[in-house]
Structure formats: C-alpha cells, structure tokens
Protein backbone atom coordinates (compact mmCIF):
# COMPACT_ATOMS: atom_id res chain seq x y z
CA UNK A 1 -23.91 -9.62 -31.39
CA UNK A 2 -24.04 -13.39 -29.87
CA UNK A 3 -23.53 -13.82 -26.16
CA UNK A 4 -20.29 -15.79 -26.79
CA UNK A 5 -18.75 -13.10 -28.85
CA UNK A 6 -19.34 -10.56 -26.40
CA UNK A 7 -17.78 -12.62 -23.50
CA UNK A 8 -14.49 -12.57 -25.42
CA UNK A 9 -14.60 -8.97 -26.45
CA UNK A 10 -12.21 -6.65 -24.62
CA UNK A 11 -13.83 -4.14 -22.45
CA UNK A 12 -10.81 -2.15 -21.39
CA UNK A 13 -7.07 -2.38 -21.54
CA UNK A 14 -5.44 -2.45 -17.88
CA UNK A 15 -1.71 -1.14 -18.01
CA UNK A 16 1.36 -1.68 -15.45
CA UNK A 17 3.51 1.06 -16.30
CA UNK A 18 7.01 0.96 -14.61
CA UNK A 19 10.08 3.00 -14.63
CA UNK A 20 11.83 0.64 -17.34
CA UNK A 21 8.92 -1.84 -18.35
CA UNK A 22 5.47 -1.90 -19.10
CA UNK A 23 2.52 -4.65 -19.27
CA UNK A 24 -0.51 -4.34 -21.12
CA UNK A 25 -3.68 -6.80 -20.45
CA UNK A 26 -7.01 -6.98 -22.47
CA UNK A 27 -9.71 -7.48 -20.08
CA UNK A 28 -13.55 -8.71 -21.02
CA UNK A 29 -16.62 -7.41 -19.26
CA UNK A 30 -16.00 -9.99 -16.40
CA UNK A 31 -12.59 -9.10 -15.45
CA UNK A 32 -11.01 -12.37 -17.07
CA UNK A 33 -7.85 -11.51 -19.08
CA UNK A 34 -8.05 -12.04 -22.76
CA UNK A 35 -4.32 -11.18 -24.05
CA UNK A 36 -1.29 -9.74 -22.39
CA UNK A 37 1.65 -7.93 -23.70
CA UNK A 38 4.94 -6.70 -22.06
CA UNK A 39 7.91 -4.42 -23.25
CA UNK A 40 10.95 -2.89 -22.21
CA UNK A 41 9.24 0.53 -22.90
CA UNK A 42 8.58 2.14 -19.53
CA UNK A 43 8.71 5.74 -18.22
CA UNK A 44 12.42 6.38 -19.43
CA UNK A 45 11.51 5.45 -23.05
CA UNK A 46 7.99 7.01 -22.96
CA UNK A 47 9.43 10.29 -22.09
CA UNK A 48 11.45 10.01 -25.38
CA UNK A 49 8.93 8.40 -27.66
CA UNK A 50 5.77 9.80 -26.22
CA UNK A 51 3.27 7.87 -24.09
CA UNK A 52 0.31 7.89 -26.53
CA UNK A 53 2.60 6.60 -29.51
CA UNK A 54 3.82 3.67 -27.14
CA UNK A 55 0.65 2.81 -25.75
CA UNK A 56 -1.26 3.05 -29.11
CA UNK A 57 1.56 0.78 -30.61
CA UNK A 58 0.88 -2.00 -27.91
CA UNK A 59 -3.14 -1.86 -28.32
CA UNK A 60 -2.48 -1.93 -32.19
CA UNK A 61 -0.62 -4.88 -32.02
CA UNK A 62 -2.89 -6.79 -29.57
CA UNK A 63 -6.23 -5.89 -32.18
CA UNK A 64 -7.73 -3.70 -29.51
CA UNK A 65 -10.62 -1.61 -30.52
CA UNK A 66 -10.06 2.11 -31.15
CA UNK A 67 -12.27 3.19 -28.78
CA UNK A 68 -11.24 0.74 -26.11
CA UNK A 69 -10.70 2.60 -22.77
CA UNK A 70 -7.67 2.08 -20.97
CA UNK A 71 -6.93 2.16 -17.06
CA UNK A 72 -3.15 2.67 -15.98
CA UNK A 73 -1.49 2.42 -13.03
CA UNK A 74 2.44 3.28 -12.01
CA UNK A 75 4.91 5.80 -13.08
CA UNK A 76 3.11 6.94 -15.81
CA UNK A 77 1.07 9.04 -13.43
CA UNK A 78 4.28 10.33 -11.85
CA UNK A 79 5.63 14.19 -12.23
CA UNK A 80 7.85 13.15 -14.88
CA UNK A 81 5.25 10.82 -16.71
CA UNK A 82 2.25 11.10 -19.00
CA UNK A 83 0.21 13.13 -16.65
CA UNK A 84 0.93 13.73 -12.86
CA UNK A 85 -2.00 11.86 -11.01
CA UNK A 86 -2.32 13.78 -7.57
CA UNK A 87 -1.40 11.86 -4.61
CA UNK A 88 -4.23 10.56 -2.51
CA UNK A 89 -3.56 11.41 1.63
CA UNK A 90 -3.43 8.44 3.71
CA UNK A 91 -5.54 7.30 5.62
CA UNK A 92 -7.78 6.81 2.55
CA UNK A 93 -10.42 3.81 1.63
CA UNK A 94 -8.85 1.44 -1.25
CA UNK A 95 -12.18 2.30 -3.14
CA UNK A 96 -11.99 5.83 -3.14
CA UNK A 97 -8.06 5.73 -4.09
CA UNK A 98 -9.01 3.79 -7.30
CA UNK A 99 -12.14 5.86 -7.79
CA UNK A 100 -10.28 8.77 -8.18
CA UNK A 101 -8.12 7.88 -11.42
CA UNK A 102 -7.14 11.22 -13.54
CA UNK A 103 -8.35 11.22 -16.82
CA UNK A 104 -5.75 11.99 -19.81
CA UNK A 105 -7.00 15.04 -21.67
CA UNK A 106 -6.72 15.32 -25.44
CA UNK A 107 -6.92 11.58 -26.50
CA UNK A 108 -9.52 9.64 -28.68
CA UNK A 109 -10.22 7.23 -25.85
CA UNK A 110 -10.82 7.16 -22.44
CA UNK A 111 -7.56 7.00 -20.66
CA UNK A 112 -7.31 7.10 -16.99
CA UNK A 113 -4.50 7.07 -14.38
CA UNK A 114 -4.93 5.66 -10.80
CA UNK A 115 -3.28 8.18 -8.18
CA UNK A 116 -0.45 7.31 -5.93
CA UNK A 117 -0.54 7.54 -2.24
CA UNK A 118 1.15 10.33 -0.02
CA UNK A 119 1.68 10.21 3.80
CA UNK A 120 2.16 13.74 4.85
CA UNK A 121 3.26 13.22 8.30
CA UNK A 122 6.19 15.73 9.50
CA UNK A 123 8.53 13.07 10.68
CA UNK A 124 7.60 10.38 8.24
CA UNK A 125 6.91 11.76 4.71
CA UNK A 126 6.36 8.93 2.29
CA UNK A 127 4.85 8.22 -1.31
CA UNK A 128 3.81 5.35 -3.49
CA UNK A 129 2.82 4.75 -7.18
CA UNK A 130 1.54 1.43 -8.29
CA UNK A 131 1.52 -0.79 -5.06
CA UNK A 132 -1.78 1.04 -4.13
CA UNK A 133 -3.41 -0.85 -7.22
CA UNK A 134 -1.48 -4.18 -5.99
CA UNK A 135 -2.95 -3.88 -2.59
CA UNK A 136 -6.69 -3.42 -4.13
CA UNK A 137 -6.15 -6.73 -6.02
CA UNK A 138 -4.17 -8.66 -3.17
CA UNK A 139 -7.75 -10.14 -1.79
CA UNK A 140 -7.43 -8.32 1.57
CA UNK A 141 -10.48 -8.91 4.02
CA UNK A 142 -12.74 -5.99 4.38
CA UNK A 143 -12.60 -5.82 7.95
CA UNK A 144 -9.54 -6.02 10.56
CA UNK A 145 -5.96 -5.36 10.46
CA UNK A 146 -3.43 -6.42 7.80
CA UNK A 147 0.36 -5.55 7.50
CA UNK A 148 1.42 -6.20 4.02
CA UNK A 149 4.86 -6.40 2.71
CA UNK A 150 5.49 -5.58 -0.93
CA UNK A 151 9.41 -6.17 -1.62
CA UNK A 152 11.20 -4.51 -4.37
CA UNK A 153 13.64 -1.80 -5.30
CA UNK A 154 11.92 0.15 -2.93
CA UNK A 155 10.14 -2.09 -0.66
CA UNK A 156 6.84 -0.95 0.90
CA UNK A 157 5.10 -1.93 4.25
CA UNK A 158 1.78 -1.07 4.28
CA UNK A 159 -0.89 -1.04 7.12
CA UNK A 160 -4.42 -1.39 6.28
CA UNK A 161 -7.37 -1.44 8.55
CA UNK A 162 -11.16 -2.13 7.54
CA UNK A 163 -10.29 -1.70 3.65
CA UNK A 164 -8.33 1.62 4.17
CA UNK A 165 -4.65 2.48 4.00
CA UNK A 166 -3.78 4.10 7.40
CA UNK A 167 -0.08 4.18 7.03
CA UNK A 168 3.12 2.68 5.17
CA UNK A 169 6.80 2.98 4.98
CA UNK A 170 9.64 2.52 2.28
CA UNK A 171 12.72 0.45 2.83
CA UNK A 172 15.11 0.98 -0.55
CA UNK A 173 16.63 -2.64 0.06
CA UNK A 174 16.82 -3.52 -3.65
CA UNK A 175 18.62 -0.05 -4.42
CA UNK A 176 20.94 -0.29 -1.52
CA UNK A 177 21.56 -3.66 -2.46
CA UNK A 178 22.72 -2.86 -6.01
CA UNK A 179 24.58 0.75 -4.77
CA UNK A 180 26.57 -1.25 -1.97
CA UNK A 181 27.46 -4.16 -4.42
CA UNK A 182 28.56 -1.92 -7.34
CA UNK A 183 29.97 1.52 -5.55
CA UNK A 184 31.31 0.47 -2.23
CA UNK A 185 34.36 -1.33 -0.73
CA UNK A 186 31.92 -4.43 -1.06
CA UNK A 187 32.36 -4.50 -4.75
CA UNK A 188 35.51 -6.37 -4.26
CA UNK A 189 34.03 -9.10 -2.27
CA UNK A 190 30.80 -9.47 -4.52
CA UNK A 191 32.85 -9.31 -7.73
CA UNK A 192 30.92 -8.25 -11.01
CA UNK A 193 28.41 -11.10 -11.68
CA UNK A 194 27.46 -13.04 -8.58
CA UNK A 195 24.98 -15.64 -8.76
CA UNK A 196 21.21 -14.87 -7.85
CA UNK A 197 20.91 -15.39 -4.24
CA UNK A 198 18.55 -18.37 -3.06
CA UNK A 199 16.60 -18.89 -0.04
CA UNK A 200 18.31 -22.16 1.11
CA UNK A 201 21.64 -20.47 0.96
CA UNK A 202 22.79 -20.95 4.45
CA UNK A 203 25.06 -17.62 4.42
CA UNK A 204 21.59 -15.78 3.32
CA UNK A 205 20.08 -17.40 6.46
CA UNK A 206 22.53 -16.72 9.04
CA UNK A 207 23.13 -12.95 8.05
CA UNK A 208 19.48 -12.58 7.73
CA UNK A 209 18.93 -14.08 11.74
CA UNK A 210 21.78 -11.81 12.76
CA UNK A 211 19.90 -8.54 11.38
CA UNK A 212 16.79 -9.93 12.87
CA UNK A 213 18.59 -10.63 16.18
CA UNK A 214 20.20 -6.97 16.46
CA UNK A 215 17.01 -5.45 15.71
CA UNK A 216 18.06 -4.28 12.32
CA UNK A 217 21.03 -2.67 13.13
CA UNK A 218 23.09 -3.54 10.00
CA UNK A 219 25.28 -0.73 9.23
CA UNK A 220 27.74 -2.13 11.96
CA UNK A 221 27.84 -5.71 10.12
CA UNK A 222 28.30 -4.20 6.36
CA UNK A 223 32.16 -4.15 6.63
CA UNK A 224 32.21 -7.78 8.12
CA UNK A 225 31.29 -8.93 4.65
CA UNK A 226 34.57 -7.51 3.50
CA UNK A 227 36.58 -8.87 6.36
CA UNK A 228 35.28 -12.17 5.96
CA UNK A 229 36.34 -12.42 2.12
CA UNK A 230 40.00 -11.25 3.40
CA UNK A 231 40.12 -13.17 6.61
CA UNK A 232 37.92 -16.63 6.15
CA UNK A 233 37.93 -16.64 2.10
CA UNK A 234 34.38 -15.87 1.83
CA UNK A 235 33.38 -16.56 -1.93
CA UNK A 236 31.80 -13.91 -4.04
CA UNK A 237 28.55 -15.62 -4.37
CA UNK A 238 28.26 -16.02 -0.66
CA UNK A 239 29.07 -12.47 0.18
CA UNK A 240 26.22 -11.78 -2.22
CA UNK A 241 23.80 -13.76 0.04
CA UNK A 242 25.39 -12.22 3.25
CA UNK A 243 24.58 -8.99 1.89
CA UNK A 244 20.82 -9.80 0.62
CA UNK A 245 20.05 -11.73 4.28
CA UNK A 246 21.56 -8.81 5.94
CA UNK A 247 19.67 -6.20 4.55
CA UNK A 248 16.52 -8.26 4.17
CA UNK A 249 16.71 -8.97 7.82
CA UNK A 250 17.43 -5.49 8.50
CA UNK A 251 14.37 -4.40 6.59
CA UNK A 252 11.86 -6.91 8.44
CA UNK A 253 13.41 -6.11 11.80
CA UNK A 254 12.71 -2.42 11.08
CA UNK A 255 9.48 -2.49 9.42
CA UNK A 256 7.92 -4.95 12.07
CA UNK A 257 8.87 -2.60 14.87
CA UNK A 258 7.61 0.59 13.38
CA UNK A 259 4.05 -0.78 12.32
CA UNK A 260 3.91 -2.90 15.76
CA UNK A 261 3.53 -6.28 14.09
CA UNK A 262 1.73 -8.78 16.01
CA UNK A 263 0.26 -12.28 15.97
CA UNK A 264 -1.45 -11.86 12.56
CA UNK A 265 0.06 -12.98 9.37
CA UNK A 266 2.14 -10.97 6.92
CA UNK A 267 0.61 -10.54 3.47
CA UNK A 268 3.54 -10.93 1.03
CA UNK A 269 2.78 -9.32 -1.95
CA UNK A 270 5.75 -10.82 -4.33
CA UNK A 271 6.76 -12.86 -7.19
CA UNK A 272 9.36 -15.24 -8.41
CA UNK A 273 12.75 -15.51 -6.51
CA UNK A 274 12.07 -12.16 -4.50
CA UNK A 275 8.99 -13.71 -2.86
CA UNK A 276 10.87 -17.00 -2.16
CA UNK A 277 13.84 -14.85 -0.34
CA UNK A 278 11.26 -12.73 1.78
CA UNK A 279 9.09 -16.03 2.76
CA UNK A 280 12.29 -17.67 4.06
CA UNK A 281 13.19 -14.29 6.00
CA UNK A 282 9.87 -13.81 7.30
CA UNK A 283 9.85 -17.26 8.84
CA UNK A 284 12.90 -16.80 10.36
CA UNK A 285 11.46 -13.93 11.94
CA UNK A 286 8.75 -15.89 13.16
CA UNK A 287 5.80 -14.49 11.12
CA UNK A 288 3.21 -16.82 9.58
CA UNK A 289 2.94 -15.55 5.99
CA UNK A 290 0.24 -15.52 3.00
CA UNK A 291 1.93 -14.73 -0.08
CA UNK A 292 -0.04 -13.16 -3.19
CA UNK A 293 1.40 -13.06 -6.47
CA UNK A 294 2.28 -9.36 -7.27
CA UNK A 295 1.80 -10.08 -11.05
CA UNK A 296 -1.76 -11.39 -10.34
CA UNK A 297 -2.28 -8.76 -7.89
CA UNK A 298 -1.72 -5.79 -10.25
CA UNK A 299 -3.73 -7.05 -12.99
CA UNK A 300 -6.67 -7.76 -10.30
CA UNK A 301 -6.35 -4.21 -8.97
CA UNK A 302 -6.66 -2.64 -12.42
CA UNK A 303 -9.73 -4.47 -13.01
CA UNK A 304 -11.18 -3.15 -9.61
CA UNK A 305 -10.12 0.10 -10.61
CA UNK A 306 -11.70 0.04 -14.17
CA UNK A 307 -15.04 -0.98 -11.95
CA UNK A 308 -14.61 1.91 -9.58
CA UNK A 309 -14.37 4.31 -12.78
CA UNK A 310 -17.05 3.15 -14.54
CA UNK A 311 -15.39 1.53 -17.20
CA UNK A 312 -16.81 -2.06 -16.81
CA UNK A 313 -19.64 -2.94 -14.84
CA UNK A 314 -19.53 -4.30 -11.26
CA UNK A 315 -20.68 -8.02 -12.38
CA UNK A 316 -18.74 -11.14 -11.81
CA UNK A 317 -15.30 -11.37 -10.26
CA UNK A 318 -12.10 -11.16 -11.87
CA UNK A 319 -10.48 -14.55 -12.78
C-alpha cells in the first residue's frame, strides 16, 4: 500500500449523536477529515429504527470499511440511548474523561461512546453529554483557569483549571425561550413565526443590558414584554428580540456571578447566529471573548477521544 493511499484512508469514524440530529465524519490517521455526512436521525429516531442500523447505513453510504472503528459522543450514550456510558464525576482531567469511552458489546466493529460528566454536589447537581467532547477540542491551554460558555437549548458554563473540569452549571436558556414563546402569555406578543433575532437588533441589546444591570433577575421583566406590546406597539419581531436579550443577559449575569468570572477572557464555543448573539451579549457584559467554532470543536474532541482510546496513533495534529 502506497504512503499516499494510506494517508487518505479512513482510520476511524467520528460521530456526534444528538437528540434529533447526528453527524458522521471519516477521519484519517493524522486526524484529518476525509468525509462528512449529516442526518435527521438522532436519538429519537434511533430508538425506533435501531442505533446499529442507522450507524451502519451512514457508514455504508460513505464507503467506510467494515472493520473501521467508531468513536461516538452525545445522546447515544444516555440512559435512553444505545448504551449508557457512565458519567465521570468532576473534578476530572479531560484526557481521563475521553479515555473512559464505553465499548458497545455485540458489534462486529469496535464502537465506543464517550462518557458524560456529572457534578454530584448536594446543592448543585448537574450533568452533561456531548459538551465534554467539545471542551476537549476547544484548544484550551494545558495550564491556567478558563471559563467556557457553551450556549444552546441547555447552555453550559464550565470552569476548567489546568486541563481538568472542576465544575459547571446549566442554564436552559434556549428551552425557556421556546416554552415562553409558545406556551405563555408572551405568545400573543411574539406571534407564531417571529424572525430570527440578530445581534445588532437594538431591542436585543437594550433588554440584554437591562438583565445584566439587574444581576440576572429576569422574571420581573418578562411581563413587561407583553405590556410593551399593548402600550407601546412593540412588534412581534422586536418582542422576540427583547425576550432573547433578556434571557441571554440573565444567563450571563447569573453564570458569571456563580463562577466568579474575572479578568480572563470567556471562551465561547458556539456556531452561527447563536455565536453572534452571545458575542454581542458578552461584550455588553464587559468580557473579552475568544470564540471557538462548536462544529470544529466537537470533531477535534472526537479525534482526541479516538487517540485516547488507541483507535488512531498519537501522531500529527488534527486539522
């Protein structure tokens, strides 16, 4: 086999398996992506059709060898998933977390699932799955303290010290927006299909500043969005911007207070429109921000997990 052919041959398949969607990458021995495939067959679909069936279908469509090993992160390792990958209790080094991937039994190929993290504090219990792999691929320094913001349906704020996760918290900001917009009095203000909120919207910025200035006490402000529609002719799209700014500002105020945010930059792991919203909000809060693309981070973290589990050699760097 020629060296050129070997460098382009897949060494491992990396899978980010979420609740509703999944992404599969073929990775060579140097950590380079060779192919990508995405699908709407996440945890919910896989519970019906079978995890192995869906995975093998994607791998076959990508031309993956039958013996190609697979490393997976995300909801496939949950209690409702393919195999429950036991939580690793924090504090824990990122390398030890990745190296503890659980092997799926009864498969013809080597398939392993990265464990999630558990914070077992009596007054602050918390869990995560998938974000630990993004952390490992975020390029965090081996030394020092980093505060990482990972926004989403359930936003995670993670404190990392000297390469170990020492604590984290969850703010269900995205879920709160959806619930309030569809199932509260605010549905009359936002309408059925408000436009996506942009970071330059003055209503987003003003209401974010309000939440930051009041220390994250947003509940007393929620009904004001409804009142502004009745008394000040606040339009549906702007009402959505108000709600988004209020919730994101409240999250940032609360999280920075809990984790003792200081002068160090906040590492923002996010992509697309959500990244822009949080960059703007963190700037309004006075933070310097270093942004890492979430898609690139999870792929890089899966490559590192493959190395920690001996699926590919520790040579070269992910690209």
